[in-house]
Protein backbone atom coordinates (compact mmCIF):
# COMPACT_ATOMS: atom_id res chain seq x y z
CA MET A 1 4.99 4.88 43.93
CA ARG A 2 2.38 3.37 46.26
CA ARG A 3 2.29 -0.40 46.63
CA SER A 4 -1.17 -0.66 44.99
CA ARG A 5 -0.07 1.42 42.02
CA PHE A 6 3.15 -0.60 41.78
CA ALA A 7 1.18 -3.86 41.81
CA ALA A 8 -1.11 -2.59 39.09
CA TYR A 9 1.87 -1.47 37.04
CA VAL A 10 3.58 -4.86 37.37
CA GLY A 11 0.30 -6.59 36.55
CA SER A 12 -0.11 -4.60 33.35
CA LEU A 13 3.44 -5.44 32.31
CA LEU A 14 2.83 -9.14 32.90
CA LEU A 15 -0.36 -9.02 30.85
CA ALA A 16 1.45 -7.29 28.01
CA LEU A 17 4.25 -9.86 28.15
CA ALA A 18 1.75 -12.70 28.10
CA ALA A 19 0.07 -11.19 25.07
CA VAL A 20 3.39 -11.03 23.25
CA LEU A 21 4.33 -14.60 24.15
CA THR A 22 0.97 -16.05 23.22
CA GLY A 23 0.50 -13.94 20.11
CA THR A 24 -2.78 -12.49 21.35
CA GLY A 25 -1.64 -8.86 21.51
CA THR A 26 -3.00 -6.37 19.03
CA ALA A 27 -3.64 -8.66 16.08
CA HIS A 28 -7.09 -7.82 14.79
CA ALA A 29 -9.24 -10.91 14.30
CA ALA A 30 -6.67 -12.77 12.22
CA GLN A 31 -9.05 -15.73 11.96
CA GLY A 32 -11.93 -13.72 10.50
CA PRO A 33 -12.58 -12.99 6.81
CA TYR A 34 -9.91 -10.90 5.08
CA ALA A 35 -10.50 -8.82 1.94
CA ALA A 36 -7.62 -7.34 -0.06
CA LEU A 37 -8.69 -4.41 -2.21
CA GLY A 38 -6.90 -1.87 -4.36
CA ASP A 39 -4.59 -1.42 -7.31
CA SER A 40 -1.53 -3.10 -8.83
CA TYR A 41 0.61 -2.52 -5.75
CA SER A 42 -1.80 -4.77 -3.86
CA SER A 43 -2.51 -7.24 -6.66
CA GLY A 44 1.21 -7.88 -7.01
CA VAL A 45 2.05 -6.62 -10.50
CA GLY A 46 5.80 -7.01 -10.90
CA SER A 47 6.16 -9.99 -8.60
CA GLY A 48 5.25 -12.75 -11.10
CA SER A 49 3.41 -15.99 -10.30
CA TYR A 50 0.10 -14.51 -11.42
CA ILE A 51 -3.08 -16.44 -10.74
CA SER A 52 -4.40 -17.42 -14.16
CA SER A 53 -8.03 -16.85 -13.25
CA SER A 54 -7.27 -13.22 -12.32
CA GLY A 55 -6.66 -12.26 -15.95
CA ASP A 56 -5.64 -8.65 -16.51
CA CYS A 57 -5.92 -7.92 -12.79
CA LYS A 58 -2.62 -9.83 -12.40
CA ARG A 59 -3.09 -11.06 -8.86
CA SER A 60 0.06 -12.75 -7.67
CA THR A 61 0.70 -15.50 -5.15
CA LYS A 62 3.74 -13.42 -4.16
CA ALA A 63 1.72 -10.28 -3.40
CA TYR A 64 1.56 -9.19 0.22
CA PRO A 65 -2.18 -9.97 0.67
CA TYR A 66 -1.71 -13.56 -0.54
CA LEU A 67 1.37 -13.99 1.65
CA TRP A 68 -0.47 -12.59 4.68
CA ALA A 69 -3.41 -14.91 4.14
CA ALA A 70 -1.12 -17.91 3.75
CA ALA A 71 0.62 -17.09 7.03
CA HIS A 72 -2.47 -16.23 9.12
CA SER A 73 -5.16 -18.55 7.72
CA PRO A 74 -8.19 -16.23 7.89
CA SER A 75 -11.55 -17.99 7.74
CA SER A 76 -11.89 -16.66 4.18
CA PHE A 77 -9.72 -14.62 1.84
CA THR A 78 -11.07 -12.38 -0.92
CA PHE A 79 -8.33 -11.16 -3.26
CA ALA A 80 -10.06 -8.37 -5.21
CA ALA A 81 -7.15 -5.98 -5.89
CA CYS A 82 -6.67 -5.34 -9.60
CA SER A 83 -3.99 -3.86 -11.82
CA GLY A 84 -4.88 -0.38 -13.01
CA ALA A 85 -7.65 0.11 -10.47
CA ARG A 86 -8.80 3.59 -9.55
CA THR A 87 -11.15 4.62 -6.78
CA GLY A 88 -14.13 4.22 -9.09
CA ASP A 89 -13.09 0.65 -9.91
CA VAL A 90 -12.97 -0.22 -6.22
CA LEU A 91 -16.48 1.14 -5.80
CA ALA A 92 -17.80 -0.68 -8.86
CA ASN A 93 -16.03 -4.01 -8.65
CA GLN A 94 -14.35 -4.76 -5.34
CA LEU A 95 -16.73 -4.10 -2.45
CA THR A 96 -19.34 -6.84 -2.91
CA PRO A 97 -17.56 -9.41 -0.68
CA LEU A 98 -17.50 -7.04 2.31
CA SER A 99 -19.95 -7.65 5.14
CA SER A 100 -20.38 -7.18 8.86
CA ALA A 101 -18.39 -10.41 9.31
CA THR A 102 -15.31 -9.04 7.53
CA ALA A 103 -12.49 -8.76 10.07
CA LEU A 104 -9.67 -7.24 8.04
CA VAL A 105 -9.50 -5.07 4.92
CA SER A 106 -6.31 -3.89 3.25
CA ILE A 107 -6.20 -1.41 0.38
CA SER A 108 -3.80 0.68 -1.69
CA ILE A 109 -5.55 3.13 -4.00
CA GLY A 110 -5.12 6.64 -5.35
CA GLY A 111 -1.96 6.40 -7.44
CA ASN A 112 -3.79 5.74 -10.69
CA ASP A 113 -6.34 8.46 -9.97
CA ALA A 114 -3.47 10.91 -9.56
CA GLY A 115 -2.00 9.92 -12.93
CA PHE A 116 0.91 7.72 -11.87
CA SER A 117 1.41 6.12 -15.29
CA ASP A 118 1.25 9.39 -17.20
CA VAL A 119 3.64 11.07 -14.77
CA MET A 120 6.25 8.37 -15.28
CA THR A 121 5.77 8.36 -19.06
CA THR A 122 6.26 12.13 -19.18
CA CYS A 123 9.30 12.04 -16.92
CA VAL A 124 10.96 9.23 -18.86
CA LEU A 125 10.36 10.65 -22.33
CA GLN A 126 10.40 14.41 -21.89
CA SER A 127 12.47 17.20 -20.37
CA ASP A 128 12.99 18.08 -16.72
CA SER A 129 10.60 21.01 -17.04
CA SER A 130 7.90 18.87 -18.64
CA CYS A 131 8.32 16.26 -15.90
CA LEU A 132 7.99 18.86 -13.15
CA SER A 133 4.98 20.42 -14.84
CA ARG A 134 3.19 17.07 -15.06
CA ILE A 135 3.99 16.35 -11.42
CA ASN A 136 2.55 19.73 -10.41
CA THR A 137 -0.64 18.84 -12.29
CA ALA A 138 -0.82 15.57 -10.37
CA LYS A 139 -0.28 17.39 -7.06
CA ALA A 140 -3.10 19.78 -7.90
CA TYR A 141 -5.36 16.77 -8.48
CA VAL A 142 -4.28 15.31 -5.14
CA ASP A 143 -5.26 18.60 -3.48
CA SER A 144 -8.55 19.22 -5.24
CA THR A 145 -10.12 15.90 -6.18
CA LEU A 146 -8.47 12.84 -4.66
CA PRO A 147 -9.52 13.46 -1.02
CA GLY A 148 -13.21 13.33 -1.97
CA GLN A 149 -12.68 10.17 -3.99
CA LEU A 150 -10.89 8.50 -1.10
CA ASP A 151 -13.59 9.61 1.31
CA THR A 152 -16.22 7.90 -0.85
CA VAL A 153 -14.25 4.64 -0.99
CA TYR A 154 -13.43 4.65 2.70
CA SER A 155 -17.01 5.45 3.68
CA GLN A 156 -18.28 2.58 1.56
CA ILE A 157 -15.81 0.21 3.19
CA SER A 158 -16.91 1.31 6.66
CA GLY A 159 -20.56 1.01 5.72
CA ARG A 160 -20.23 -2.47 4.25
CA ALA A 161 -17.71 -3.82 6.77
CA PRO A 162 -18.44 -1.90 9.97
CA ASN A 163 -16.55 -4.34 12.19
CA ALA A 164 -13.43 -4.61 10.06
CA HIS A 165 -9.98 -3.36 10.91
CA VAL A 166 -8.95 -1.43 7.80
CA VAL A 167 -5.31 -0.93 6.80
CA VAL A 168 -4.56 1.64 4.10
CA LEU A 169 -1.13 1.08 2.55
CA GLY A 170 0.81 3.79 0.76
CA TYR A 171 3.45 3.92 -1.94
CA PRO A 172 7.26 3.87 -1.72
CA ARG A 173 9.66 6.51 -2.90
CA PHE A 174 11.13 5.33 -6.19
CA TYR A 175 14.70 6.58 -6.13
CA GLN A 176 17.72 6.73 -3.91
CA LEU A 177 19.17 10.19 -4.42
CA GLY A 178 22.76 11.35 -4.51
CA THR A 179 24.02 8.32 -6.39
CA THR A 180 25.45 7.75 -9.85
CA CYS A 181 22.57 6.26 -11.74
CA LEU A 182 21.77 5.86 -15.40
CA GLY A 183 18.42 7.08 -16.63
CA LEU A 184 16.50 10.01 -15.22
CA SER A 185 18.19 13.15 -14.00
CA GLU A 186 18.56 13.88 -10.30
CA THR A 187 16.02 16.67 -10.76
CA LYS A 188 13.42 14.24 -12.06
CA ARG A 189 14.19 11.60 -9.45
CA LYS A 190 13.83 14.06 -6.58
CA ALA A 191 10.58 15.43 -8.01
CA ILE A 192 9.13 11.94 -8.34
CA ASN A 193 10.09 11.12 -4.75
CA ASP A 194 8.53 14.36 -3.56
CA ALA A 195 5.36 13.47 -5.46
CA ALA A 196 5.23 10.08 -3.73
CA ASP A 197 5.52 11.83 -0.36
CA TYR A 198 2.81 14.29 -1.36
CA LEU A 199 0.46 11.49 -2.35
CA ASP A 200 1.18 9.46 0.77
CA THR A 201 0.57 12.46 3.01
CA ALA A 202 -2.84 13.04 1.43
CA ILE A 203 -3.85 9.37 1.65
CA ALA A 204 -2.64 9.06 5.25
CA LYS A 205 -4.74 12.08 6.26
CA ARG A 206 -7.92 10.65 4.75
CA ALA A 207 -7.23 7.23 6.29
CA ALA A 208 -6.75 8.78 9.74
CA ASP A 209 -9.93 10.82 9.44
CA HIS A 210 -11.85 7.59 8.82
CA GLY A 211 -10.20 5.83 11.75
CA PHE A 212 -8.20 3.48 9.53
CA ALA A 213 -4.66 2.25 10.18
CA TRP A 214 -1.96 3.74 7.97
CA GLY A 215 0.64 1.41 6.49
CA ASP A 216 3.61 3.59 5.52
CA VAL A 217 5.98 1.53 3.36
CA ARG A 218 8.56 4.25 2.70
CA SER A 219 10.85 3.28 5.59
CA ALA A 220 10.64 -0.38 4.62
CA PHE A 221 11.88 0.46 1.11
CA THR A 222 14.65 2.79 2.29
CA GLY A 223 17.91 1.44 0.92
CA HIS A 224 16.03 -0.58 -1.68
CA GLU A 225 14.91 2.16 -4.05
CA LEU A 226 15.97 2.35 -7.67
CA CYS A 227 19.63 3.42 -7.96
CA SER A 228 20.40 1.80 -4.59
CA GLY A 229 22.09 -1.29 -6.01
CA SER A 230 19.59 -3.42 -4.09
CA ALA A 231 16.30 -2.32 -5.59
CA TRP A 232 12.96 -3.82 -4.59
CA LEU A 233 11.31 -1.99 -7.49
CA HIS A 234 11.45 -2.62 -11.22
CA SER A 235 12.99 0.12 -13.29
CA LEU A 236 11.74 0.86 -16.79
CA ASN A 237 11.23 -2.49 -18.54
CA LEU A 238 10.66 -2.07 -22.25
CA LEU A 239 9.88 -5.78 -22.60
CA ASN A 240 7.17 -5.60 -19.96
CA ILE A 241 6.09 -1.99 -19.54
CA GLY A 242 3.32 -2.87 -17.08
CA GLU A 243 5.79 -4.11 -14.48
CA SER A 244 7.89 -0.94 -14.60
CA TYR A 245 8.08 0.95 -11.29
CA HIS A 246 6.27 -1.80 -9.38
CA PRO A 247 7.60 -3.82 -6.44
CA THR A 248 9.46 -7.03 -7.14
CA ALA A 249 8.55 -10.21 -5.28
CA VAL A 250 11.10 -9.22 -2.62
CA GLY A 251 9.50 -5.78 -2.46
CA GLN A 252 6.19 -7.44 -1.66
CA SER A 253 7.57 -9.85 0.95
CA GLY A 254 10.24 -7.59 2.44
CA GLY A 255 8.54 -4.22 2.03
CA TYR A 256 4.77 -4.44 2.04
CA LEU A 257 4.16 -7.62 4.04
CA PRO A 258 5.99 -6.50 7.23
CA VAL A 259 4.06 -3.21 7.16
CA LEU A 260 0.74 -5.04 6.93
CA ASN A 261 1.85 -7.40 9.72
CA SER A 262 2.55 -4.41 11.95
CA ALA A 263 -0.63 -2.56 11.10
CA ALA A 264 -3.00 -5.52 11.14
């Protein structure tokens, strides 16, 4: 290696080290306005401590967007994510705060469009074959319809917040397989996990095509799925059905938040 090339190489290493030590590395405008969009996985359903003014949207102070904002102190924080939201709800109700000044946008969306709630209801109450059939219907929707819906949402975000760094977060696998676990059969659990992978793959592709960062939470939740003995997800809760199959407060802080930190 020539001396000049060696000097340049050492210089680049020193700059990278300085960025790490000073915290100036790849963080994207942490001080600028931050908008958190999406569904219940972003609003924090299942983590408690809901903000009373958020009503049925159930936005939680323990949700990953709220925790990120508390840690990074953006110049403003818009918490628009809402329980039950679909792509159409994002378009109708969540995009108004975005502007050319917006520095960071996070979003999880698509699960409700694909029929998440109905899939779980079918798999809990009906046979293995009925569960697999309903999952196949959801997969067909993910193939035929969801990509266009995501494209519309992502294009609107880019148009309204052209300078923002956008992080699209996915969904975890629900079950640890190969364990003794009361409730759903292994066949159902594997099919539900496969459906989560199928959905995440589709969302990640659309996010990449729009130049957005992909926040894959599946690795973060590995070892903390249902049936693991250390779950970061609620199982079926008959006393509070809405929280079933959603991240706990630890799932938000230990699963979703580190992924956003890495991607933002």
